[in-house]
Amino acid sequence: MSSRMPSMDTDPGLRERKKLRTRRELAEAALRLFADQGYEPTTVAQIAAAANVSRATFFNYFTDKEDVLFADASAHEDLMKEVLTDTDREVTPGQALFQAVERLLQAPVWSLSPESDLVPVRARLIVTEPALRARALLRIADIHAAWARALHEAFPDRLDEIEAATLAGTVIGAVLGAAATHLATGAEHGSLPGIVRKAAEAALAGPRSHPQDRPLHRL
């Protein structure tokens, strides 16, 4: 009697990598179509066809074409909570938040790599499409609330709710502002992940200091 070797597809790590690849292929196909023919005229069927999958497969990953632009937000919130929950309590809240930003940049869960040339396309769409802009503001508010809640839960004896919200908002505002400036002015300042790290460090160092002048261990 012959036996069949187990398929490599049964390996959970491989399955997750395949899912991520399909998710990214769908996101990239959608953004290229949005850039070429506009957001409104683009249909889910066109996105699925461009990614060589069925419409049913598209809906396994995204609820609609708008979700392509915002689907990472939930994973973002979950990762932040996980990282801060596991943080060494010997570090300061500022250090913990900076470490969490680093982990988020390295996490293999995003529909687009932070260094993808389609990131500016997504950013422009969100800025120029009124419905997308409104949803983006809601998602930013959700992310801020999730960061603040995670910080307070991780450091309940060191940060009250207001302090946690302030610290989270400081970093989020700095990162969004720096990323928007980077995308508007080009890549002369370095890669987007590098810009995000620099902005987070500058925010945590204080408004009147250069990041190198005030080390994170004092926060």
N, C-alpha and C. Protein backbone atom coordinates (compact mmCIF):
# COMPACT_ATOMS: atom_id res chain seq x y z
N MET A 1 0.86 -1.19 0.00
CA MET A 1 0.00 0.00 0.00
C MET A 1 0.88 1.23 0.00
N SER A 2 0.60 2.11 -0.90
CA SER A 2 1.40 3.33 -0.96
C SER A 2 0.80 4.37 -0.05
N SER A 3 1.64 5.22 0.45
CA SER A 3 1.16 6.32 1.31
C SER A 3 1.44 7.64 0.63
N ARG A 4 0.57 8.61 0.87
CA ARG A 4 0.73 9.93 0.27
C ARG A 4 1.46 10.83 1.24
N MET A 5 2.49 11.48 0.74
CA MET A 5 3.22 12.43 1.58
C MET A 5 2.30 13.60 1.91
N PRO A 6 2.33 14.10 3.14
CA PRO A 6 1.48 15.24 3.48
C PRO A 6 1.86 16.45 2.66
N SER A 7 0.85 17.16 2.22
CA SER A 7 1.09 18.37 1.43
C SER A 7 1.72 19.45 2.28
N MET A 8 2.59 20.21 1.67
CA MET A 8 3.18 21.34 2.38
C MET A 8 2.13 22.37 2.75
N ASP A 9 0.97 22.31 2.07
CA ASP A 9 -0.10 23.26 2.38
C ASP A 9 -0.66 23.05 3.77
N THR A 10 -0.38 21.87 4.38
CA THR A 10 -0.91 21.62 5.71
C THR A 10 -0.11 22.35 6.78
N ASP A 11 1.03 22.89 6.41
CA ASP A 11 1.83 23.64 7.36
C ASP A 11 1.18 25.00 7.61
N PRO A 12 0.80 25.31 8.87
CA PRO A 12 0.10 26.58 9.13
C PRO A 12 0.90 27.80 8.69
N GLY A 13 2.22 27.75 8.86
CA GLY A 13 3.03 28.88 8.45
C GLY A 13 2.93 29.13 6.96
N LEU A 14 2.96 28.06 6.18
CA LEU A 14 2.86 28.19 4.74
C LEU A 14 1.48 28.69 4.34
N ARG A 15 0.43 28.18 4.98
CA ARG A 15 -0.93 28.64 4.67
C ARG A 15 -1.06 30.13 4.91
N GLU A 16 -0.52 30.58 6.04
CA GLU A 16 -0.62 32.00 6.35
C GLU A 16 0.15 32.84 5.35
N ARG A 17 1.30 32.35 4.92
CA ARG A 17 2.08 33.09 3.93
C ARG A 17 1.34 33.17 2.60
N LYS A 18 0.66 32.08 2.23
CA LYS A 18 -0.11 32.09 0.99
C LYS A 18 -1.28 33.06 1.09
N LYS A 19 -1.92 33.08 2.25
CA LYS A 19 -3.03 34.02 2.45
C LYS A 19 -2.54 35.46 2.35
N LEU A 20 -1.41 35.73 2.97
CA LEU A 20 -0.86 37.08 2.91
C LEU A 20 -0.50 37.46 1.48
N ARG A 21 0.06 36.50 0.73
CA ARG A 21 0.42 36.78 -0.66
C ARG A 21 -0.83 37.11 -1.49
N THR A 22 -1.89 36.32 -1.31
CA THR A 22 -3.13 36.59 -2.04
C THR A 22 -3.72 37.94 -1.65
N ARG A 23 -3.68 38.23 -0.36
CA ARG A 23 -4.19 39.51 0.14
C ARG A 23 -3.43 40.67 -0.49
N ARG A 24 -2.12 40.54 -0.54
CA ARG A 24 -1.30 41.61 -1.13
C ARG A 24 -1.54 41.73 -2.63
N GLU A 25 -1.70 40.60 -3.30
CA GLU A 25 -1.96 40.64 -4.74
C GLU A 25 -3.28 41.34 -5.04
N LEU A 26 -4.28 41.08 -4.21
CA LEU A 26 -5.57 41.76 -4.38
C LEU A 26 -5.44 43.26 -4.11
N ALA A 27 -4.74 43.61 -3.04
CA ALA A 27 -4.57 45.02 -2.71
C ALA A 27 -3.81 45.75 -3.80
N GLU A 28 -2.76 45.13 -4.31
CA GLU A 28 -1.96 45.76 -5.36
C GLU A 28 -2.77 45.91 -6.65
N ALA A 29 -3.54 44.87 -6.99
CA ALA A 29 -4.37 44.95 -8.20
C ALA A 29 -5.40 46.06 -8.06
N ALA A 30 -6.02 46.15 -6.89
CA ALA A 30 -7.02 47.19 -6.67
C ALA A 30 -6.42 48.58 -6.80
N LEU A 31 -5.28 48.80 -6.17
CA LEU A 31 -4.68 50.13 -6.19
C LEU A 31 -4.20 50.52 -7.58
N ARG A 32 -3.71 49.55 -8.34
CA ARG A 32 -3.28 49.87 -9.71
C ARG A 32 -4.50 50.24 -10.56
N LEU A 33 -5.60 49.54 -10.37
CA LEU A 33 -6.81 49.89 -11.10
C LEU A 33 -7.35 51.25 -10.66
N PHE A 34 -7.34 51.50 -9.36
CA PHE A 34 -7.78 52.82 -8.87
C PHE A 34 -6.95 53.93 -9.51
N ALA A 35 -5.64 53.70 -9.60
CA ALA A 35 -4.75 54.72 -10.16
C ALA A 35 -4.99 54.89 -11.66
N ASP A 36 -5.25 53.78 -12.37
CA ASP A 36 -5.39 53.83 -13.83
C ASP A 36 -6.74 54.36 -14.29
N GLN A 37 -7.82 53.94 -13.61
CA GLN A 37 -9.14 54.27 -14.13
C GLN A 37 -10.05 54.98 -13.13
N GLY A 38 -9.52 55.24 -11.93
CA GLY A 38 -10.32 55.94 -10.92
C GLY A 38 -10.93 54.99 -9.92
N TYR A 39 -11.22 55.52 -8.74
CA TYR A 39 -11.76 54.68 -7.67
C TYR A 39 -13.20 54.26 -7.95
N GLU A 40 -14.05 55.22 -8.28
CA GLU A 40 -15.47 54.92 -8.45
C GLU A 40 -15.75 53.93 -9.58
N PRO A 41 -15.12 54.07 -10.76
CA PRO A 41 -15.44 53.13 -11.85
C PRO A 41 -14.95 51.70 -11.61
N THR A 42 -14.00 51.52 -10.73
CA THR A 42 -13.41 50.20 -10.52
C THR A 42 -14.37 49.30 -9.75
N THR A 43 -14.55 48.07 -10.24
CA THR A 43 -15.45 47.12 -9.60
C THR A 43 -14.67 46.00 -8.92
N VAL A 44 -15.34 45.31 -8.02
CA VAL A 44 -14.74 44.16 -7.36
C VAL A 44 -14.39 43.08 -8.38
N ALA A 45 -15.26 42.89 -9.37
CA ALA A 45 -15.00 41.89 -10.40
C ALA A 45 -13.70 42.20 -11.15
N GLN A 46 -13.47 43.47 -11.44
CA GLN A 46 -12.24 43.86 -12.13
C GLN A 46 -11.01 43.61 -11.26
N ILE A 47 -11.14 43.91 -9.98
CA ILE A 47 -10.02 43.69 -9.06
C ILE A 47 -9.69 42.20 -8.99
N ALA A 48 -10.72 41.37 -8.83
CA ALA A 48 -10.50 39.93 -8.75
C ALA A 48 -9.86 39.40 -10.02
N ALA A 49 -10.35 39.86 -11.17
CA ALA A 49 -9.79 39.40 -12.45
C ALA A 49 -8.33 39.81 -12.58
N ALA A 50 -8.01 41.03 -12.17
CA ALA A 50 -6.63 41.50 -12.28
C ALA A 50 -5.69 40.71 -11.38
N ALA A 51 -6.22 40.18 -10.27
CA ALA A 51 -5.41 39.37 -9.35
C ALA A 51 -5.50 37.88 -9.66
N ASN A 52 -6.25 37.53 -10.73
CA ASN A 52 -6.41 36.14 -11.14
C ASN A 52 -7.07 35.27 -10.08
N VAL A 53 -8.08 35.84 -9.41
CA VAL A 53 -8.86 35.07 -8.45
C VAL A 53 -10.34 35.33 -8.72
N SER A 54 -11.20 34.60 -8.05
CA SER A 54 -12.64 34.78 -8.22
C SER A 54 -13.15 35.90 -7.32
N ARG A 55 -14.38 36.36 -7.62
CA ARG A 55 -15.01 37.36 -6.75
C ARG A 55 -15.18 36.79 -5.34
N ALA A 56 -15.51 35.51 -5.27
CA ALA A 56 -15.69 34.87 -3.95
C ALA A 56 -14.40 34.94 -3.15
N THR A 57 -13.27 34.73 -3.82
CA THR A 57 -11.98 34.81 -3.12
C THR A 57 -11.73 36.23 -2.63
N PHE A 58 -12.07 37.22 -3.45
CA PHE A 58 -11.93 38.61 -3.00
C PHE A 58 -12.64 38.82 -1.67
N PHE A 59 -13.88 38.32 -1.58
CA PHE A 59 -14.68 38.55 -0.38
C PHE A 59 -14.22 37.70 0.81
N ASN A 60 -13.31 36.77 0.58
CA ASN A 60 -12.68 36.08 1.70
C ASN A 60 -11.68 36.98 2.43
N TYR A 61 -11.25 38.03 1.74
CA TYR A 61 -10.21 38.91 2.29
C TYR A 61 -10.71 40.32 2.60
N PHE A 62 -11.66 40.81 1.82
CA PHE A 62 -12.14 42.18 1.99
C PHE A 62 -13.66 42.20 1.88
N THR A 63 -14.28 43.11 2.61
CA THR A 63 -15.74 43.21 2.56
C THR A 63 -16.23 43.96 1.32
N ASP A 64 -15.43 44.90 0.83
CA ASP A 64 -15.76 45.66 -0.37
C ASP A 64 -14.48 46.35 -0.84
N LYS A 65 -14.57 47.11 -1.93
CA LYS A 65 -13.34 47.72 -2.46
C LYS A 65 -12.80 48.79 -1.52
N GLU A 66 -13.66 49.44 -0.76
CA GLU A 66 -13.20 50.43 0.20
C GLU A 66 -12.36 49.78 1.30
N ASP A 67 -12.74 48.57 1.65
CA ASP A 67 -12.05 47.85 2.72
C ASP A 67 -10.60 47.55 2.35
N VAL A 68 -10.30 47.50 1.05
CA VAL A 68 -8.93 47.27 0.61
C VAL A 68 -8.00 48.34 1.20
N LEU A 69 -8.51 49.55 1.34
CA LEU A 69 -7.69 50.67 1.80
C LEU A 69 -7.57 50.74 3.31
N PHE A 70 -8.45 50.05 4.04
CA PHE A 70 -8.48 50.20 5.49
C PHE A 70 -8.42 48.88 6.26
N ALA A 71 -8.31 47.77 5.57
CA ALA A 71 -8.41 46.47 6.23
C ALA A 71 -7.30 46.21 7.23
N ASP A 72 -6.17 46.89 7.09
CA ASP A 72 -5.06 46.65 8.01
C ASP A 72 -5.30 47.25 9.39
N ALA A 73 -6.28 48.12 9.51
CA ALA A 73 -6.46 48.84 10.77
C ALA A 73 -6.74 47.91 11.95
N SER A 74 -7.56 46.89 11.74
CA SER A 74 -7.88 45.97 12.83
C SER A 74 -6.65 45.19 13.27
N ALA A 75 -5.87 44.72 12.29
CA ALA A 75 -4.63 44.01 12.62
C ALA A 75 -3.68 44.94 13.36
N HIS A 76 -3.66 46.20 12.97
CA HIS A 76 -2.83 47.22 13.61
C HIS A 76 -3.19 47.33 15.09
N GLU A 77 -4.48 47.43 15.39
CA GLU A 77 -4.93 47.57 16.77
C GLU A 77 -4.60 46.31 17.58
N ASP A 78 -4.83 45.14 16.99
CA ASP A 78 -4.56 43.88 17.70
C ASP A 78 -3.08 43.73 18.02
N LEU A 79 -2.23 44.08 17.05
CA LEU A 79 -0.79 43.96 17.26
C LEU A 79 -0.30 44.91 18.34
N MET A 80 -0.81 46.13 18.33
CA MET A 80 -0.39 47.10 19.34
C MET A 80 -0.74 46.59 20.74
N LYS A 81 -1.94 46.07 20.90
CA LYS A 81 -2.35 45.55 22.21
C LYS A 81 -1.47 44.37 22.61
N GLU A 82 -1.19 43.48 21.66
CA GLU A 82 -0.37 42.30 21.95
C GLU A 82 1.04 42.71 22.37
N VAL A 83 1.63 43.65 21.63
CA VAL A 83 3.00 44.07 21.93
C VAL A 83 3.08 44.75 23.30
N LEU A 84 2.16 45.65 23.58
CA LEU A 84 2.20 46.36 24.86
C LEU A 84 1.87 45.44 26.03
N THR A 85 1.01 44.47 25.80
CA THR A 85 0.68 43.51 26.87
C THR A 85 1.91 42.69 27.25
N ASP A 86 2.75 42.38 26.26
CA ASP A 86 3.93 41.56 26.51
C ASP A 86 5.17 42.37 26.87
N THR A 87 5.02 43.69 27.01
CA THR A 87 6.17 44.55 27.25
C THR A 87 6.77 44.32 28.64
N ASP A 88 8.08 44.35 28.69
CA ASP A 88 8.80 44.29 29.96
C ASP A 88 8.44 45.53 30.78
N ARG A 89 7.97 45.32 32.00
CA ARG A 89 7.53 46.44 32.83
C ARG A 89 8.70 47.28 33.36
N GLU A 90 9.92 46.86 33.08
CA GLU A 90 11.08 47.65 33.48
C GLU A 90 11.29 48.84 32.55
N VAL A 91 10.73 48.80 31.36
CA VAL A 91 10.91 49.90 30.42
C VAL A 91 9.90 50.99 30.72
N THR A 92 10.14 52.17 30.20
CA THR A 92 9.21 53.28 30.38
C THR A 92 8.07 53.16 29.37
N PRO A 93 6.95 53.84 29.60
CA PRO A 93 5.88 53.84 28.60
C PRO A 93 6.35 54.34 27.23
N GLY A 94 7.22 55.34 27.22
CA GLY A 94 7.74 55.84 25.96
C GLY A 94 8.55 54.80 25.22
N GLN A 95 9.41 54.09 25.95
CA GLN A 95 10.19 53.02 25.32
C GLN A 95 9.27 51.93 24.79
N ALA A 96 8.27 51.57 25.58
CA ALA A 96 7.34 50.52 25.17
C ALA A 96 6.61 50.91 23.89
N LEU A 97 6.19 52.16 23.81
CA LEU A 97 5.47 52.61 22.63
C LEU A 97 6.39 52.62 21.41
N PHE A 98 7.63 53.05 21.59
CA PHE A 98 8.58 53.05 20.47
C PHE A 98 8.84 51.62 20.00
N GLN A 99 9.00 50.69 20.94
CA GLN A 99 9.21 49.28 20.58
C GLN A 99 8.00 48.73 19.83
N ALA A 100 6.81 49.17 20.24
CA ALA A 100 5.59 48.71 19.57
C ALA A 100 5.54 49.22 18.13
N VAL A 101 5.94 50.47 17.92
CA VAL A 101 5.99 51.02 16.56
C VAL A 101 6.96 50.21 15.70
N GLU A 102 8.11 49.87 16.27
CA GLU A 102 9.08 49.04 15.54
C GLU A 102 8.48 47.70 15.15
N ARG A 103 7.78 47.07 16.09
CA ARG A 103 7.17 45.77 15.81
C ARG A 103 6.10 45.89 14.73
N LEU A 104 5.33 46.96 14.77
CA LEU A 104 4.30 47.16 13.76
C LEU A 104 4.91 47.28 12.37
N LEU A 105 6.02 47.98 12.27
CA LEU A 105 6.68 48.15 10.97
C LEU A 105 7.20 46.82 10.42
N GLN A 106 7.56 45.92 11.32
CA GLN A 106 8.15 44.65 10.90
C GLN A 106 7.12 43.53 10.77
N ALA A 107 5.89 43.77 11.20
CA ALA A 107 4.89 42.70 11.24
C ALA A 107 4.49 42.25 9.83
N PRO A 108 4.47 40.94 9.58
CA PRO A 108 4.14 40.43 8.24
C PRO A 108 2.64 40.25 8.03
N VAL A 109 1.86 41.29 8.29
CA VAL A 109 0.41 41.14 8.18
C VAL A 109 -0.21 42.18 7.25
N TRP A 110 0.57 43.08 6.73
CA TRP A 110 -0.02 44.20 6.01
C TRP A 110 -0.39 43.85 4.57
N SER A 111 -1.47 44.46 4.09
CA SER A 111 -1.87 44.27 2.70
C SER A 111 -0.82 44.82 1.74
N LEU A 112 -0.14 45.88 2.18
CA LEU A 112 0.96 46.45 1.41
C LEU A 112 2.18 46.57 2.30
N SER A 113 3.33 46.28 1.75
CA SER A 113 4.56 46.56 2.48
C SER A 113 4.68 48.07 2.67
N PRO A 114 5.17 48.54 3.84
CA PRO A 114 5.35 49.98 4.03
C PRO A 114 6.24 50.63 2.98
N GLU A 115 7.06 49.82 2.29
CA GLU A 115 7.96 50.36 1.28
C GLU A 115 7.41 50.21 -0.14
N SER A 116 6.19 49.72 -0.28
CA SER A 116 5.59 49.54 -1.60
C SER A 116 5.41 50.87 -2.31
N ASP A 117 5.60 50.86 -3.64
CA ASP A 117 5.39 52.09 -4.41
C ASP A 117 3.91 52.43 -4.53
N LEU A 118 3.04 51.55 -4.02
CA LEU A 118 1.60 51.82 -4.05
C LEU A 118 1.11 52.52 -2.79
N VAL A 119 1.96 52.65 -1.79
CA VAL A 119 1.56 53.36 -0.57
C VAL A 119 1.16 54.81 -0.88
N PRO A 120 1.94 55.54 -1.70
CA PRO A 120 1.50 56.90 -2.05
C PRO A 120 0.18 56.93 -2.81
N VAL A 121 -0.08 55.90 -3.62
CA VAL A 121 -1.35 55.83 -4.35
C VAL A 121 -2.50 55.74 -3.36
N ARG A 122 -2.36 54.86 -2.37
CA ARG A 122 -3.40 54.73 -1.36
C ARG A 122 -3.59 56.03 -0.59
N ALA A 123 -2.49 56.67 -0.23
CA ALA A 123 -2.58 57.93 0.52
C ALA A 123 -3.31 59.00 -0.29
N ARG A 124 -2.99 59.11 -1.58
CA ARG A 124 -3.64 60.12 -2.42
C ARG A 124 -5.13 59.85 -2.55
N LEU A 125 -5.49 58.58 -2.70
CA LEU A 125 -6.91 58.23 -2.80
C LEU A 125 -7.67 58.64 -1.55
N ILE A 126 -7.09 58.36 -0.40
CA ILE A 126 -7.77 58.68 0.86
C ILE A 126 -7.94 60.19 1.01
N VAL A 127 -6.97 60.94 0.53
CA VAL A 127 -7.04 62.40 0.65
C VAL A 127 -8.03 63.00 -0.34
N THR A 128 -8.12 62.42 -1.54
CA THR A 128 -8.91 63.05 -2.60
C THR A 128 -10.36 62.57 -2.68
N GLU A 129 -10.65 61.38 -2.16
CA GLU A 129 -12.02 60.86 -2.20
C GLU A 129 -12.74 61.21 -0.89
N PRO A 130 -13.78 62.04 -0.95
CA PRO A 130 -14.44 62.50 0.29
C PRO A 130 -14.90 61.36 1.20
N ALA A 131 -15.51 60.32 0.63
CA ALA A 131 -16.00 59.22 1.46
C ALA A 131 -14.84 58.49 2.15
N LEU A 132 -13.74 58.34 1.43
CA LEU A 132 -12.57 57.67 2.01
C LEU A 132 -11.93 58.53 3.09
N ARG A 133 -11.92 59.84 2.86
CA ARG A 133 -11.34 60.75 3.84
C ARG A 133 -12.11 60.69 5.16
N ALA A 134 -13.42 60.63 5.07
CA ALA A 134 -14.24 60.54 6.27
C ALA A 134 -13.97 59.24 7.02
N ARG A 135 -13.86 58.15 6.29
CA ARG A 135 -13.59 56.87 6.95
C ARG A 135 -12.20 56.86 7.56
N ALA A 136 -11.24 57.50 6.88
CA ALA A 136 -9.88 57.55 7.42
C ALA A 136 -9.85 58.25 8.77
N LEU A 137 -10.59 59.33 8.89
CA LEU A 137 -10.64 60.05 10.16
C LEU A 137 -11.21 59.17 11.27
N LEU A 138 -12.22 58.40 10.94
CA LEU A 138 -12.80 57.48 11.93
C LEU A 138 -11.80 56.40 12.32
N ARG A 139 -11.06 55.89 11.34
CA ARG A 139 -10.09 54.84 11.65
C ARG A 139 -8.95 55.38 12.50
N ILE A 140 -8.51 56.61 12.23
CA ILE A 140 -7.46 57.22 13.04
C ILE A 140 -7.93 57.37 14.48
N ALA A 141 -9.19 57.78 14.65
CA ALA A 141 -9.75 57.90 16.00
C ALA A 141 -9.79 56.54 16.69
N ASP A 142 -10.15 55.50 15.95
CA ASP A 142 -10.19 54.15 16.52
C ASP A 142 -8.79 53.68 16.93
N ILE A 143 -7.81 53.96 16.06
CA ILE A 143 -6.43 53.55 16.36
C ILE A 143 -5.91 54.29 17.59
N HIS A 144 -6.21 55.58 17.66
CA HIS A 144 -5.78 56.35 18.83
C HIS A 144 -6.39 55.78 20.11
N ALA A 145 -7.67 55.48 20.07
CA ALA A 145 -8.33 54.93 21.25
C ALA A 145 -7.72 53.58 21.64
N ALA A 146 -7.41 52.76 20.64
CA ALA A 146 -6.83 51.44 20.91
C ALA A 146 -5.43 51.58 21.52
N TRP A 147 -4.61 52.48 20.97
CA TRP A 147 -3.27 52.70 21.51
C TRP A 147 -3.36 53.20 22.95
N ALA A 148 -4.22 54.19 23.18
CA ALA A 148 -4.34 54.77 24.52
C ALA A 148 -4.80 53.72 25.53
N ARG A 149 -5.78 52.94 25.13
CA ARG A 149 -6.29 51.89 26.03
C ARG A 149 -5.21 50.86 26.34
N ALA A 150 -4.47 50.45 25.31
CA ALA A 150 -3.41 49.46 25.51
C ALA A 150 -2.30 50.01 26.40
N LEU A 151 -1.95 51.28 26.23
CA LEU A 151 -0.92 51.89 27.07
C LEU A 151 -1.36 51.95 28.53
N HIS A 152 -2.60 52.38 28.74
CA HIS A 152 -3.09 52.48 30.12
C HIS A 152 -3.16 51.11 30.78
N GLU A 153 -3.60 50.10 30.03
CA GLU A 153 -3.68 48.75 30.58
C GLU A 153 -2.30 48.17 30.86
N ALA A 154 -1.32 48.54 30.04
CA ALA A 154 0.04 48.03 30.24
C ALA A 154 0.75 48.73 31.40
N PHE A 155 0.40 50.00 31.63
CA PHE A 155 1.08 50.78 32.68
C PHE A 155 0.04 51.49 33.56
N PRO A 156 -0.85 50.75 34.21
CA PRO A 156 -1.94 51.39 34.96
C PRO A 156 -1.45 52.22 36.15
N ASP A 157 -0.28 51.88 36.68
CA ASP A 157 0.24 52.62 37.83
C ASP A 157 1.13 53.79 37.42
N ARG A 158 1.35 53.95 36.11
CA ARG A 158 2.24 55.01 35.64
C ARG A 158 1.56 55.98 34.69
N LEU A 159 0.47 55.55 34.08
CA LEU A 159 -0.27 56.42 33.16
C LEU A 159 -1.76 56.34 33.46
N ASP A 160 -2.39 57.49 33.72
CA ASP A 160 -3.85 57.45 33.79
C ASP A 160 -4.39 57.56 32.37
N GLU A 161 -5.72 57.55 32.23
CA GLU A 161 -6.31 57.54 30.89
C GLU A 161 -5.91 58.77 30.06
N ILE A 162 -5.86 59.93 30.71
CA ILE A 162 -5.51 61.16 29.98
C ILE A 162 -4.05 61.12 29.53
N GLU A 163 -3.17 60.69 30.41
CA GLU A 163 -1.75 60.63 30.05
C GLU A 163 -1.51 59.61 28.93
N ALA A 164 -2.19 58.48 29.01
CA ALA A 164 -2.05 57.46 27.97
C ALA A 164 -2.55 57.99 26.63
N ALA A 165 -3.69 58.68 26.66
CA ALA A 165 -4.25 59.24 25.42
C ALA A 165 -3.33 60.31 24.85
N THR A 166 -2.72 61.10 25.73
CA THR A 166 -1.80 62.16 25.27
C THR A 166 -0.56 61.56 24.63
N LEU A 167 0.01 60.55 25.27
CA LEU A 167 1.22 59.92 24.73
C LEU A 167 0.92 59.26 23.39
N ALA A 168 -0.19 58.53 23.32
CA ALA A 168 -0.55 57.88 22.06
C ALA A 168 -0.81 58.91 20.96
N GLY A 169 -1.54 59.97 21.29
CA GLY A 169 -1.85 60.99 20.30
C GLY A 169 -0.62 61.73 19.80
N THR A 170 0.34 61.94 20.69
CA THR A 170 1.58 62.62 20.30
C THR A 170 2.31 61.83 19.23
N VAL A 171 2.43 60.52 19.44
CA VAL A 171 3.15 59.69 18.48
C VAL A 171 2.36 59.53 17.18
N ILE A 172 1.07 59.28 17.30
CA ILE A 172 0.25 59.11 16.09
C ILE A 172 0.27 60.38 15.25
N GLY A 173 0.11 61.54 15.88
CA GLY A 173 0.14 62.79 15.14
C GLY A 173 1.47 63.02 14.45
N ALA A 174 2.56 62.72 15.16
CA ALA A 174 3.89 62.91 14.57
C ALA A 174 4.10 61.98 13.38
N VAL A 175 3.70 60.73 13.54
CA VAL A 175 3.88 59.75 12.46
C VAL A 175 3.05 60.12 11.24
N LEU A 176 1.79 60.49 11.46
CA LEU A 176 0.93 60.85 10.33
C LEU A 176 1.45 62.09 9.61
N GLY A 177 1.86 63.09 10.40
CA GLY A 177 2.37 64.31 9.79
C GLY A 177 3.64 64.08 9.00
N ALA A 178 4.56 63.32 9.57
CA ALA A 178 5.82 63.04 8.88
C ALA A 178 5.59 62.19 7.64
N ALA A 179 4.71 61.19 7.75
CA ALA A 179 4.43 60.34 6.59
C ALA A 179 3.78 61.13 5.46
N ALA A 180 2.85 62.01 5.81
CA ALA A 180 2.20 62.83 4.78
C ALA A 180 3.20 63.75 4.09
N THR A 181 4.11 64.34 4.87
CA THR A 181 5.13 65.20 4.28
C THR A 181 6.06 64.40 3.39
N HIS A 182 6.44 63.22 3.84
CA HIS A 182 7.31 62.35 3.05
C HIS A 182 6.66 61.99 1.72
N LEU A 183 5.39 61.60 1.76
CA LEU A 183 4.71 61.19 0.54
C LEU A 183 4.50 62.37 -0.40
N ALA A 184 4.36 63.58 0.16
CA ALA A 184 4.14 64.76 -0.68
C ALA A 184 5.43 65.27 -1.31
N THR A 185 6.55 65.07 -0.63
CA THR A 185 7.81 65.66 -1.10
C THR A 185 8.73 64.67 -1.78
N GLY A 186 8.40 63.38 -1.73
CA GLY A 186 9.25 62.40 -2.38
C GLY A 186 10.10 61.64 -1.38
N ALA A 187 11.02 60.85 -1.91
CA ALA A 187 11.77 59.91 -1.08
C ALA A 187 13.13 60.44 -0.65
N GLU A 188 13.37 61.75 -0.80
CA GLU A 188 14.71 62.25 -0.47
C GLU A 188 15.03 62.15 1.01
N HIS A 189 14.02 61.99 1.84
CA HIS A 189 14.25 61.89 3.28
C HIS A 189 14.50 60.46 3.75
N GLY A 190 14.44 59.51 2.83
CA GLY A 190 14.64 58.11 3.20
C GLY A 190 13.38 57.30 2.99
N SER A 191 13.39 56.06 3.46
CA SER A 191 12.25 55.17 3.29
C SER A 191 11.13 55.55 4.25
N LEU A 192 9.91 55.13 3.92
CA LEU A 192 8.78 55.44 4.79
C LEU A 192 8.94 54.82 6.18
N PRO A 193 9.36 53.54 6.30
CA PRO A 193 9.58 53.02 7.66
C PRO A 193 10.60 53.83 8.44
N GLY A 194 11.65 54.29 7.76
CA GLY A 194 12.64 55.12 8.44
C GLY A 194 12.05 56.44 8.91
N ILE A 195 11.18 57.03 8.09
CA ILE A 195 10.52 58.28 8.46
C ILE A 195 9.62 58.06 9.68
N VAL A 196 8.90 56.94 9.69
CA VAL A 196 8.01 56.64 10.82
C VAL A 196 8.82 56.50 12.11
N ARG A 197 9.93 55.78 12.05
CA ARG A 197 10.78 55.63 13.24
C ARG A 197 11.30 56.98 13.72
N LYS A 198 11.75 57.79 12.78
CA LYS A 198 12.30 59.10 13.13
C LYS A 198 11.24 59.98 13.76
N ALA A 199 10.03 59.95 13.21
CA ALA A 199 8.94 60.77 13.75
C ALA A 199 8.55 60.32 15.15
N ALA A 200 8.45 59.00 15.35
CA ALA A 200 8.09 58.49 16.67
C ALA A 200 9.15 58.85 17.71
N GLU A 201 10.40 58.72 17.32
CA GLU A 201 11.48 59.05 18.26
C GLU A 201 11.48 60.54 18.59
N ALA A 202 11.27 61.37 17.57
CA ALA A 202 11.24 62.82 17.80
C ALA A 202 10.08 63.20 18.71
N ALA A 203 8.92 62.57 18.50
CA ALA A 203 7.75 62.88 19.33
C ALA A 203 8.01 62.50 20.78
N LEU A 204 8.63 61.35 21.00
CA LEU A 204 8.88 60.88 22.35
C LEU A 204 10.02 61.64 23.03
N ALA A 205 10.89 62.24 22.21
CA ALA A 205 12.00 63.01 22.78
C ALA A 205 11.55 64.36 23.29
N GLY A 206 10.44 64.87 22.77
CA GLY A 206 9.94 66.16 23.23
C GLY A 206 9.97 67.19 22.13
N PRO A 207 9.07 68.16 22.15
CA PRO A 207 8.92 69.12 21.06
C PRO A 207 10.09 70.06 20.87
N ARG A 208 10.92 70.26 21.90
CA ARG A 208 12.02 71.21 21.78
C ARG A 208 13.37 70.53 21.66
N SER A 209 13.35 69.24 21.47
CA SER A 209 14.60 68.50 21.45
C SER A 209 14.76 67.75 20.14
N HIS A 210 15.99 67.56 19.75
CA HIS A 210 16.31 66.64 18.67
C HIS A 210 16.33 65.24 19.28
N PRO A 211 15.90 64.20 18.55
CA PRO A 211 15.88 62.86 19.13
C PRO A 211 17.20 62.44 19.76
N GLN A 212 18.33 62.89 19.21
CA GLN A 212 19.62 62.48 19.75
C GLN A 212 19.97 63.22 21.04
N ASP A 213 19.24 64.30 21.33
CA ASP A 213 19.56 65.11 22.50
C ASP A 213 18.91 64.60 23.78
N ARG A 214 17.87 63.77 23.62
CA ARG A 214 17.12 63.33 24.80
C ARG A 214 16.77 61.86 24.66
N PRO A 215 17.55 60.97 25.23
CA PRO A 215 17.34 59.54 25.01
C PRO A 215 16.00 59.06 25.53
N LEU A 216 15.52 57.99 24.90
CA LEU A 216 14.20 57.47 25.23
C LEU A 216 14.10 56.96 26.66
N HIS A 217 15.23 56.59 27.28
CA HIS A 217 15.12 56.02 28.62
C HIS A 217 14.65 57.05 29.64
N ARG A 218 14.62 58.33 29.27
CA ARG A 218 14.16 59.34 30.21
C ARG A 218 12.66 59.54 30.15
N LEU A 219 12.00 58.93 29.17
CA LEU A 219 10.56 59.15 29.01
C LEU A 219 9.78 58.27 29.95
